Amino acid sequence: MTIKKTSQGRHGFKTNEHVVYPSHGVGQIVAIEEQVIAGHTLELFVISFEKDKMTLRVPVAKVASAGMRKLSEDTLVDKALETLTGRARVKKTMWSRRAQEYEAKINSGDIIAIAEVVRDLFRAETQPEQSYSERQLYESALDRMMREVAAVQKLTDIEAQKVIEGQLAKGPRRGRGEEAEVEAEAQEEAA
């Protein structure tokens, strides 16, 4: 196994650039290497996910099929933050089915889909407690979104989380009790 480090860009990606890998979130390309594996020379992006203390090697040829992408543009991040202020859309299906859908959205790498999960699973302090699995999915989506917002807007993770929480607080009926929410929904249906 021979490793030859190179630093020029490939497929529009270059070293030291932050990218989004759908199933892991935001990482940084630390090198572009060539490795000889089973007699074949493979060119690989070496991506570091510092917070997870993980390094991923992605064959350059598999970048598109893996869904790796550049960070979102500012306008898309703004749209994702705007999504947080909308009304939660929770389907009346079984939790296991919804959990699978939420997991798929989180692992899609699509910042809008991730924002929808954050919005749908967010609970204000006056709302009932979440189940353990709801909380896990919410925290996973929040973490993914927070890291991309932080990288795009050049904020710390804590600052990015405050931006997201500020947007969530602007959502409809946040902070009102469950009874008021049920009553408001009944009034909307009657209208």
Protein backbone atom coordinates (compact mmCIF):
# COMPACT_ATOMS: atom_id res chain seq x y z
CA MET A 1 0.00 0.00 0.00
CA THR A 2 1.71 3.16 -1.23
CA ILE A 3 0.41 6.54 -0.17
CA LYS A 4 1.24 9.64 -2.17
CA LYS A 5 -0.22 12.85 -0.84
CA THR A 6 -1.32 15.46 -3.32
CA SER A 7 -2.86 18.85 -2.69
CA GLN A 8 -4.53 19.96 -5.91
CA GLY A 9 -8.33 20.00 -6.16
CA ARG A 10 -10.46 17.21 -7.66
CA HIS A 11 -14.08 17.36 -8.86
CA GLY A 12 -14.34 20.94 -7.61
CA PHE A 13 -13.15 19.99 -4.10
CA LYS A 14 -9.81 20.97 -2.62
CA THR A 15 -7.87 20.43 0.57
CA ASN A 16 -8.84 22.42 3.69
CA GLU A 17 -12.35 22.89 2.28
CA HIS A 18 -15.38 22.06 4.42
CA VAL A 19 -17.85 19.64 2.83
CA VAL A 20 -21.03 17.84 3.81
CA TYR A 21 -21.01 14.05 3.75
CA PRO A 22 -24.69 13.00 4.09
CA SER A 23 -24.37 10.30 6.73
CA HIS A 24 -21.79 12.17 8.87
CA GLY A 25 -22.45 15.89 8.42
CA VAL A 26 -19.79 18.60 8.04
CA GLY A 27 -16.18 17.55 7.67
CA GLN A 28 -12.99 19.03 6.29
CA ILE A 29 -10.92 17.64 3.42
CA VAL A 30 -7.46 17.35 4.95
CA ALA A 31 -5.74 15.65 1.99
CA ILE A 32 -6.20 14.04 -1.39
CA GLU A 33 -4.26 10.77 -1.49
CA GLU A 34 -3.46 8.03 -3.92
CA GLN A 35 -3.45 4.52 -2.51
CA VAL A 36 -2.67 1.25 -4.21
CA ILE A 37 -5.25 -1.29 -3.08
CA ALA A 38 -5.21 -4.82 -4.53
CA GLY A 39 -3.09 -3.63 -7.45
CA HIS A 40 -5.41 -0.73 -8.32
CA THR A 41 -4.52 2.91 -7.75
CA LEU A 42 -7.35 4.79 -6.06
CA GLU A 43 -7.52 8.53 -5.55
CA LEU A 44 -9.14 9.34 -2.19
CA PHE A 45 -10.42 12.39 -0.38
CA VAL A 46 -9.36 12.22 3.27
CA ILE A 47 -12.13 13.90 5.27
CA SER A 48 -11.75 14.68 8.95
CA PHE A 49 -14.79 14.97 11.22
CA GLU A 50 -13.03 16.61 14.15
CA LYS A 51 -15.96 16.63 16.56
CA ASP A 52 -16.53 12.89 16.05
CA LYS A 53 -12.78 12.18 16.07
CA MET A 54 -13.21 10.31 12.80
CA THR A 55 -11.44 10.24 9.45
CA LEU A 56 -13.18 9.05 6.30
CA ARG A 57 -11.52 8.15 3.01
CA VAL A 58 -13.84 8.59 0.02
CA PRO A 59 -12.77 7.47 -3.46
CA VAL A 60 -12.83 10.51 -5.77
CA ALA A 61 -14.86 8.47 -8.29
CA LYS A 62 -17.57 7.80 -5.67
CA VAL A 63 -18.10 11.40 -4.54
CA ALA A 64 -21.30 11.93 -6.55
CA SER A 65 -22.88 8.59 -5.65
CA ALA A 66 -22.01 9.11 -1.97
CA GLY A 67 -23.78 12.48 -2.05
CA MET A 68 -20.79 14.51 -0.82
CA ARG A 69 -21.37 18.21 -1.48
CA LYS A 70 -19.99 21.65 -0.79
CA LEU A 71 -21.42 23.67 2.11
CA SER A 72 -24.80 25.27 1.41
CA GLU A 73 -24.94 28.80 0.05
CA ASP A 74 -25.97 31.58 2.47
CA THR A 75 -29.41 31.84 0.82
CA LEU A 76 -30.09 28.12 1.37
CA VAL A 77 -29.00 28.38 5.02
CA ASP A 78 -31.35 31.36 5.44
CA LYS A 79 -34.17 29.32 3.89
CA ALA A 80 -33.41 26.44 6.29
CA LEU A 81 -33.47 28.84 9.26
CA GLU A 82 -36.79 30.23 7.97
CA THR A 83 -38.15 26.65 7.84
CA LEU A 84 -37.67 26.49 11.62
CA THR A 85 -40.26 29.20 12.19
CA GLY A 86 -42.99 27.25 10.40
CA ARG A 87 -45.64 25.04 11.96
CA ALA A 88 -44.52 21.54 12.88
CA ARG A 89 -45.89 18.98 10.44
CA VAL A 90 -46.27 15.74 12.31
CA LYS A 91 -47.96 12.92 10.45
CA LYS A 92 -50.42 10.77 12.34
CA THR A 93 -48.54 7.57 11.44
CA MET A 94 -46.88 5.17 13.84
CA TRP A 95 -43.77 6.48 15.55
CA SER A 96 -41.55 3.77 14.04
CA ARG A 97 -42.51 4.89 10.50
CA ARG A 98 -42.01 8.59 11.35
CA ALA A 99 -38.67 7.80 13.01
CA GLN A 100 -37.48 6.09 9.81
CA GLU A 101 -38.56 9.10 7.76
CA TYR A 102 -36.79 11.50 10.13
CA GLU A 103 -33.62 9.36 10.04
CA ALA A 104 -33.71 9.35 6.22
CA LYS A 105 -34.06 13.16 6.18
CA ILE A 106 -31.14 13.58 8.60
CA ASN A 107 -28.90 11.27 6.53
CA SER A 108 -29.93 12.89 3.23
CA GLY A 109 -27.51 15.75 3.90
CA ASP A 110 -30.20 18.20 2.69
CA ILE A 111 -30.15 21.16 5.09
CA ILE A 112 -33.85 21.97 4.42
CA ALA A 113 -34.90 18.37 5.22
CA ILE A 114 -32.77 18.46 8.38
CA ALA A 115 -34.37 21.79 9.38
CA GLU A 116 -37.81 20.16 8.97
CA VAL A 117 -36.81 17.42 11.41
CA VAL A 118 -35.52 20.00 13.92
CA ARG A 119 -38.78 21.98 13.58
CA ASP A 120 -41.05 18.92 13.82
CA LEU A 121 -39.31 17.41 16.87
CA PHE A 122 -38.64 20.66 18.77
CA ARG A 123 -40.34 20.90 22.17
CA ALA A 124 -40.66 24.15 24.09
CA GLU A 125 -40.19 23.90 27.84
CA THR A 126 -43.93 24.20 28.40
CA GLN A 127 -44.64 21.23 26.09
CA PRO A 128 -44.70 17.57 27.14
CA GLU A 129 -41.47 15.60 27.39
CA GLN A 130 -40.15 13.74 24.36
CA SER A 131 -39.50 10.03 24.30
CA TYR A 132 -35.87 8.95 24.35
CA SER A 133 -35.85 8.10 20.62
CA GLU A 134 -37.52 11.44 19.71
CA ARG A 135 -34.91 13.28 21.75
CA GLN A 136 -32.06 11.34 20.07
CA LEU A 137 -33.36 12.16 16.56
CA TYR A 138 -33.93 15.81 17.50
CA GLU A 139 -30.39 16.16 18.89
CA SER A 140 -28.90 14.43 15.85
CA ALA A 141 -30.74 16.76 13.44
CA LEU A 142 -29.92 19.83 15.57
CA ASP A 143 -26.22 18.87 15.64
CA ARG A 144 -26.05 18.39 11.85
CA MET A 145 -27.81 21.68 11.20
CA MET A 146 -25.77 23.53 13.81
CA ARG A 147 -22.47 22.39 12.30
CA GLU A 148 -23.41 23.49 8.78
CA VAL A 149 -24.81 26.85 9.95
CA ALA A 150 -21.61 27.37 11.99
CA ALA A 151 -19.36 26.53 9.03
CA VAL A 152 -21.29 28.67 6.51
CA GLN A 153 -21.79 31.70 8.79
CA LYS A 154 -18.35 31.33 10.41
CA LEU A 155 -19.78 31.00 13.92
CA THR A 156 -18.90 28.77 16.83
CA ASP A 157 -21.16 25.75 17.36
CA ILE A 158 -22.69 27.46 20.42
CA GLU A 159 -23.43 30.67 18.46
CA ALA A 160 -24.99 28.62 15.65
CA GLN A 161 -27.13 26.72 18.16
CA LYS A 162 -28.36 30.04 19.61
CA VAL A 163 -29.30 31.23 16.09
CA ILE A 164 -31.27 28.02 15.52
CA GLU A 165 -32.98 28.17 18.94
CA GLY A 166 -33.87 31.83 18.30
CA GLN A 167 -35.57 30.83 15.04
CA LEU A 168 -37.42 27.95 16.75
CA ALA A 169 -38.74 30.36 19.39
CA LYS A 170 -40.35 32.45 16.61
CA GLY A 171 -42.47 29.49 15.50
CA PRO A 172 -46.26 29.46 15.94
CA ARG A 173 -47.56 28.82 19.44
CA ARG A 174 -44.14 28.02 20.90
CA GLY A 175 -44.30 28.15 24.65
CA ARG A 176 -48.07 27.76 24.98
CA GLY A 177 -49.42 24.74 26.75
CA GLU A 178 -50.81 21.65 25.03
CA GLU A 179 -54.41 22.57 25.90
CA ALA A 180 -54.10 25.97 24.19
CA GLU A 181 -52.59 24.29 21.14
CA VAL A 182 -55.39 21.71 20.88
CA GLU A 183 -57.98 24.46 21.37
CA ALA A 184 -56.37 26.64 18.67
CA GLU A 185 -56.32 23.69 16.24
CA ALA A 186 -60.02 23.01 16.95
CA GLN A 187 -60.83 26.67 16.23
CA GLU A 188 -58.89 26.53 12.94
CA GLU A 189 -60.76 23.40 11.84
CA ALA A 190 -64.11 25.03 12.69
CA ALA A 191 -63.28 28.14 10.64
